[in-house]
Amino acid sequence: MKVIVYNLKTDLDDTIYDLKKITSKKIGVSERDFNSFKIVKESIDARKKPHINIVYSVVVEIEKEIKLPSGGDVRVLEDIPQKPLISGSIKLKERPIVIGSGPAGLFASLILAQNGYKPLLLERGECVERRTQIVNSFWVNGKLDEETNVQFGEGGAGTFSDGKLTTRINDKRSELVLDEFYKSGAPEEILYKAKPHIGSDILKKVVLNMRKRILDLGGEVRFNSKVTDFLIKDGSIRGVKVNNREEIYSRVVVLAIGHSARDTFEILYKRGVNFIQKPFSIGVRIEHPQELINNA
């Protein structure tokens, strides 16, 4: 029997053993009856300062069937099967092309590769190792590389942010995204933190590992490969032109170009693709003195 237990409050200095005791008491069974124990959410409750609690939700598998306590904090957990990727009925003559190696492009390529499609991932900028060197040089001398910079290059713009992984989307597939990050080297805590994030130093390694996984599954990744035109015939995509020279044919092209590839937008617009404006958020950074933060 598998149950999920909510609102397990612990003190800051409590250990995993204390959490198991609190869970055992709330369920009404001995810890010896736990077949498995997994933290699925962790958050901080600082509403009653100076006393601060860490609040957990955990999933416990129990040897025997039990009567659940009232109150709603303990519920039977039913496994919802992940919807499989549905393959089409027509075999692809060419491999799919993915344009852009930000989060959308990396995950599109990874999922395609996991399902045997051997995608070709095209990135206008450099690999993350070389990109890091170029961006660090930019911070020092201010010389901008128009194709490899904070916005363009492997990993996308988020590679040089703090890697927040929050989303307002309540979708079961969000767990898949976090799990793939974890498999690529992100810390395990992102799987259960209420507001998970991956630091920039770790994120670069994660991006590199995702690329290696795509390659191991038969995909191909090309850097310094800017899509400069789209090959269209009879109103359908037929492929792309790279660096104004090479033509690569495919009837499946995934656009994962982010919001700063304005030259690509212009090409698409000239090719008759319809565009609709979309609102976007602007972040504001406010810095406070440490003394003020300590007193908050």
Protein backbone atom coordinates (compact mmCIF):
# COMPACT_ATOMS: atom_id res chain seq x y z
CA MET A 1 0.00 0.00 0.00
CA LYS A 2 1.43 3.37 -1.02
CA VAL A 3 0.34 6.56 0.74
CA ILE A 4 1.29 10.22 0.52
CA VAL A 5 1.55 12.17 3.76
CA TYR A 6 1.29 15.97 3.79
CA ASN A 7 2.13 18.75 6.29
CA LEU A 8 4.89 17.02 8.22
CA LYS A 9 6.45 19.81 10.27
CA THR A 10 10.01 19.46 11.55
CA ASP A 11 12.44 21.76 13.33
CA LEU A 12 15.56 23.08 11.63
CA ASP A 13 17.86 20.67 13.46
CA ASP A 14 15.69 17.57 12.92
CA THR A 15 17.14 14.70 10.88
CA ILE A 16 15.64 12.23 8.42
CA TYR A 17 15.16 9.85 11.36
CA ASP A 18 13.05 12.46 13.15
CA LEU A 19 11.00 12.93 9.98
CA LYS A 20 10.35 9.19 9.79
CA LYS A 21 9.19 9.17 13.42
CA ILE A 22 6.81 12.07 12.76
CA THR A 23 5.50 10.28 9.66
CA SER A 24 5.05 7.02 11.55
CA LYS A 25 3.05 8.77 14.25
CA LYS A 26 0.83 10.56 11.73
CA ILE A 27 0.05 7.39 9.79
CA GLY A 28 -0.35 5.25 12.88
CA VAL A 29 2.08 2.47 11.97
CA SER A 30 5.58 1.50 13.03
CA GLU A 31 8.60 2.62 11.00
CA ARG A 32 9.42 -1.09 10.66
CA ASP A 33 6.37 -1.38 8.39
CA PHE A 34 7.86 1.10 5.88
CA ASN A 35 8.97 -0.69 2.71
CA SER A 36 10.10 2.60 1.21
CA PHE A 37 10.25 6.25 2.23
CA LYS A 38 10.65 9.15 -0.21
CA ILE A 39 10.54 12.92 0.23
CA VAL A 40 8.47 14.49 -2.56
CA LYS A 41 8.22 18.09 -1.35
CA GLU A 42 10.13 20.35 1.02
CA SER A 43 9.28 23.94 1.93
CA ILE A 44 9.99 26.47 4.68
CA ASP A 45 7.32 27.83 7.02
CA ALA A 46 8.61 31.05 8.58
CA ARG A 47 5.25 32.58 9.46
CA LYS A 48 5.82 32.30 13.21
CA LYS A 49 9.30 33.75 13.59
CA PRO A 50 11.63 33.22 15.28
CA HIS A 51 10.38 29.61 15.21
CA ILE A 52 10.93 28.21 11.72
CA ASN A 53 9.68 24.85 10.45
CA ILE A 54 10.64 22.71 7.50
CA VAL A 55 7.45 21.21 6.07
CA TYR A 56 7.55 17.95 4.11
CA SER A 57 5.34 15.75 2.02
CA VAL A 58 6.50 12.14 1.76
CA VAL A 59 5.46 8.98 -0.03
CA VAL A 60 5.56 5.81 2.04
CA GLU A 61 5.02 2.25 0.91
CA ILE A 62 3.58 0.12 3.71
CA GLU A 63 3.69 -3.65 3.98
CA LYS A 64 0.04 -4.05 4.95
CA GLU A 65 -3.29 -2.40 4.24
CA ILE A 66 -4.27 0.13 6.92
CA LYS A 67 -7.19 2.37 7.76
CA LEU A 68 -6.17 5.92 6.97
CA PRO A 69 -6.49 8.55 9.70
CA SER A 70 -9.07 11.28 9.18
CA GLY A 71 -8.14 14.84 8.29
CA GLY A 72 -6.95 14.50 4.70
CA ASP A 73 -3.20 14.68 5.36
CA VAL A 74 -2.77 10.96 4.59
CA ARG A 75 -4.08 9.67 1.28
CA VAL A 76 -3.70 6.58 -0.84
CA LEU A 77 -1.36 7.31 -3.73
CA GLU A 78 -2.46 5.90 -7.04
CA ASP A 79 0.19 5.52 -9.72
CA ILE A 80 -0.90 7.38 -12.84
CA PRO A 81 0.82 5.85 -15.87
CA GLN A 82 2.83 8.29 -17.97
CA LYS A 83 1.26 8.87 -21.37
CA PRO A 84 3.59 7.37 -23.96
CA LEU A 85 4.84 9.33 -26.93
CA ILE A 86 2.59 8.24 -29.78
CA SER A 87 4.47 7.45 -32.96
CA GLY A 88 3.01 8.30 -36.34
CA SER A 89 2.09 5.71 -38.94
CA ILE A 90 4.34 7.06 -41.72
CA LYS A 91 8.07 6.39 -41.51
CA LEU A 92 10.22 9.52 -41.67
CA LYS A 93 12.48 9.69 -44.71
CA GLU A 94 14.77 12.19 -43.01
CA ARG A 95 15.71 12.70 -39.40
CA PRO A 96 13.93 15.51 -37.52
CA ILE A 97 15.73 18.84 -37.18
CA VAL A 98 15.68 20.82 -33.93
CA ILE A 99 16.75 24.47 -34.09
CA GLY A 100 18.15 25.91 -30.86
CA SER A 101 19.78 24.23 -27.86
CA GLY A 102 18.07 26.04 -25.02
CA PRO A 103 15.82 24.07 -22.63
CA ALA A 104 13.12 23.47 -25.28
CA GLY A 105 15.60 22.33 -27.92
CA LEU A 106 17.59 20.11 -25.57
CA PHE A 107 14.49 18.38 -24.25
CA ALA A 108 12.92 18.02 -27.71
CA SER A 109 16.15 16.42 -28.95
CA LEU A 110 16.47 14.19 -25.90
CA ILE A 111 12.89 12.89 -26.06
CA LEU A 112 13.17 12.31 -29.82
CA ALA A 113 16.47 10.48 -29.32
CA GLN A 114 15.01 8.36 -26.51
CA ASN A 115 12.31 7.26 -28.94
CA GLY A 116 14.73 6.30 -31.68
CA TYR A 117 14.40 9.31 -34.01
CA LYS A 118 18.11 10.36 -34.07
CA PRO A 119 17.49 14.12 -34.30
CA LEU A 120 19.85 16.73 -35.72
CA LEU A 121 20.21 19.63 -33.26
CA LEU A 122 21.41 22.90 -34.82
CA GLU A 123 22.79 25.69 -32.60
CA ARG A 124 23.96 29.04 -33.96
CA GLY A 125 26.34 29.58 -31.04
CA GLU A 126 29.14 27.62 -29.41
CA CYS A 127 29.14 24.59 -27.12
CA VAL A 128 28.77 25.42 -23.43
CA GLU A 129 32.49 25.00 -22.70
CA ARG A 130 33.61 27.45 -25.39
CA ARG A 131 30.58 29.67 -24.77
CA THR A 132 31.57 30.12 -21.12
CA GLN A 133 35.00 31.35 -22.18
CA ILE A 134 33.53 33.82 -24.69
CA VAL A 135 30.99 35.20 -22.21
CA ASN A 136 33.62 35.57 -19.48
CA SER A 137 35.76 37.49 -21.98
CA PHE A 138 32.77 39.72 -22.79
CA TRP A 139 32.37 40.64 -19.11
CA VAL A 140 36.02 41.77 -19.10
CA ASN A 141 36.48 43.56 -22.43
CA GLY A 142 32.92 44.25 -23.58
CA LYS A 143 33.54 42.74 -27.02
CA LEU A 144 30.30 41.11 -28.21
CA ASP A 145 30.22 37.92 -30.25
CA GLU A 146 26.86 38.21 -32.02
CA GLU A 147 26.37 34.45 -32.31
CA THR A 148 27.81 33.26 -28.99
CA ASN A 149 26.87 35.37 -25.97
CA VAL A 150 24.62 35.45 -22.90
CA GLN A 151 21.56 34.79 -25.09
CA PHE A 152 22.87 32.49 -27.82
CA GLY A 153 24.78 29.25 -27.42
CA GLU A 154 24.33 25.81 -25.89
CA GLY A 155 22.01 25.89 -22.89
CA GLY A 156 20.17 29.05 -23.91
CA ALA A 157 19.91 32.31 -21.98
CA GLY A 158 19.21 30.51 -18.70
CA THR A 159 22.71 29.03 -18.60
CA PHE A 160 24.02 32.25 -17.07
CA SER A 161 21.09 32.91 -14.75
CA ASP A 162 20.56 31.16 -11.41
CA GLY A 163 18.62 28.32 -13.03
CA LYS A 164 15.20 28.65 -11.38
CA LEU A 165 12.94 25.70 -12.19
CA THR A 166 9.62 27.06 -10.95
CA THR A 167 6.49 26.82 -13.06
CA ARG A 168 2.84 27.70 -12.60
CA ILE A 169 1.84 24.78 -14.79
CA ASN A 170 0.25 21.95 -12.82
CA ASP A 171 1.23 19.20 -15.22
CA LYS A 172 2.40 15.70 -14.35
CA ARG A 173 5.03 15.98 -17.08
CA SER A 174 6.87 18.60 -15.02
CA GLU A 175 8.18 15.68 -12.96
CA LEU A 176 9.68 14.21 -16.13
CA VAL A 177 11.58 17.45 -16.79
CA LEU A 178 13.03 17.51 -13.28
CA ASP A 179 13.89 13.82 -13.47
CA GLU A 180 15.81 14.31 -16.74
CA PHE A 181 17.73 17.19 -15.17
CA TYR A 182 18.56 14.92 -12.22
CA LYS A 183 19.71 12.11 -14.54
CA SER A 184 21.99 14.66 -16.22
CA GLY A 185 23.72 15.64 -12.99
CA ALA A 186 21.46 18.11 -11.20
CA PRO A 187 21.20 17.67 -7.40
CA GLU A 188 18.52 15.27 -6.16
CA GLU A 189 16.90 18.02 -4.09
CA ILE A 190 15.33 19.57 -7.21
CA LEU A 191 12.95 16.60 -7.23
CA TYR A 192 11.27 17.73 -4.02
CA LYS A 193 12.19 21.34 -3.22
CA ALA A 194 9.16 23.66 -3.33
CA LYS A 195 11.20 26.18 -5.35
CA PRO A 196 13.93 24.14 -7.04
CA HIS A 197 16.84 25.73 -8.85
CA ILE A 198 20.16 24.70 -10.33
CA GLY A 199 23.11 27.03 -9.83
CA SER A 200 24.91 28.30 -12.94
CA ASP A 201 28.05 26.32 -12.12
CA ILE A 202 26.12 23.03 -11.99
CA LEU A 203 23.78 23.93 -14.85
CA LYS A 204 26.65 24.08 -17.34
CA LYS A 205 27.63 20.51 -16.45
CA VAL A 206 24.00 19.41 -16.72
CA VAL A 207 23.72 20.91 -20.22
CA LEU A 208 26.93 19.14 -21.27
CA ASN A 209 25.64 15.82 -19.93
CA MET A 210 22.32 16.24 -21.76
CA ARG A 211 24.23 16.73 -25.00
CA LYS A 212 26.24 13.56 -24.33
CA ARG A 213 23.04 11.61 -23.70
CA ILE A 214 21.58 12.81 -27.02
CA LEU A 215 24.76 11.77 -28.83
CA ASP A 216 24.84 8.37 -27.10
CA LEU A 217 21.29 7.73 -28.35
CA GLY A 218 22.25 8.40 -31.96
CA GLY A 219 21.46 12.10 -32.25
CA GLU A 220 23.79 14.71 -33.73
CA VAL A 221 24.57 18.18 -32.38
CA ARG A 222 26.14 20.90 -34.53
CA PHE A 223 27.39 24.21 -33.17
CA ASN A 224 28.11 27.40 -35.14
CA SER A 225 25.25 26.25 -37.37
CA LYS A 226 22.89 29.18 -37.88
CA VAL A 227 19.67 28.52 -39.78
CA THR A 228 19.55 31.29 -42.39
CA ASP A 229 16.53 30.14 -44.39
CA PHE A 230 13.72 27.62 -44.51
CA LEU A 231 13.09 25.35 -47.48
CA ILE A 232 9.38 25.38 -48.24
CA LYS A 233 7.49 23.69 -51.05
CA ASP A 234 3.72 23.65 -51.65
CA GLY A 235 3.17 25.28 -48.27
CA SER A 236 5.04 22.59 -46.34
CA ILE A 237 8.46 22.55 -44.70
CA ARG A 238 11.11 20.64 -46.60
CA GLY A 239 14.22 21.55 -44.64
CA VAL A 240 16.57 24.37 -43.71
CA LYS A 241 19.58 26.23 -45.05
CA VAL A 242 22.54 26.53 -42.67
CA ASN A 243 25.07 29.38 -42.72
CA ASN A 244 23.75 30.45 -46.16
CA ARG A 245 25.40 27.38 -47.69
CA GLU A 246 24.31 23.89 -46.70
CA GLU A 247 20.79 22.65 -47.36
CA ILE A 248 19.50 19.96 -45.00
CA TYR A 249 16.23 18.25 -45.89
CA SER A 250 13.54 17.18 -43.43
CA ARG A 251 9.76 17.36 -43.21
CA VAL A 252 9.96 17.71 -39.42
CA VAL A 253 11.54 20.91 -38.07
CA VAL A 254 11.22 21.93 -34.42
CA LEU A 255 11.65 25.65 -33.70
CA ALA A 256 13.19 26.15 -30.24
CA ILE A 257 14.78 29.53 -30.91
CA GLY A 258 13.84 31.50 -27.80
CA HIS A 259 12.62 35.10 -27.88
CA SER A 260 15.79 36.88 -29.03
CA ALA A 261 16.38 35.32 -32.46
CA ARG A 262 14.80 38.26 -34.25
CA ASP A 263 16.60 37.54 -37.51
CA THR A 264 14.97 34.10 -37.57
CA PHE A 265 11.56 35.65 -36.85
CA GLU A 266 12.06 37.96 -39.82
CA ILE A 267 12.88 35.05 -42.12
CA LEU A 268 9.79 33.17 -40.97
CA TYR A 269 7.62 36.25 -41.43
CA LYS A 270 8.88 36.71 -44.98
CA ARG A 271 8.10 33.05 -45.60
CA GLY A 272 4.46 33.65 -44.68
CA VAL A 273 4.38 32.28 -41.14
CA ASN A 274 1.71 33.93 -38.98
CA PHE A 275 2.81 35.63 -35.76
CA ILE A 276 0.84 36.64 -32.67
CA GLN A 277 2.17 38.94 -29.95
CA LYS A 278 2.61 37.34 -26.57
CA PRO A 279 3.02 39.11 -23.21
CA PHE A 280 6.15 38.31 -21.26
CA SER A 281 7.39 38.94 -17.74
CA ILE A 282 10.21 41.29 -16.83
CA GLY A 283 12.18 40.55 -13.68
CA VAL A 284 13.43 43.25 -11.34
CA ARG A 285 16.45 42.70 -9.10
CA ILE A 286 16.52 44.59 -5.80
CA GLU A 287 19.57 44.45 -3.56
CA HIS A 288 19.24 45.03 0.19
CA PRO A 289 21.95 45.43 2.84
CA GLN A 290 22.67 42.15 4.64
CA GLU A 291 21.71 43.74 7.97
CA LEU A 292 18.21 44.47 6.66
CA ILE A 293 17.83 40.90 5.41
CA ASN A 294 19.00 39.49 8.76
CA ASN A 295 16.34 41.52 10.57
CA ALA A 296 13.53 40.49 8.22
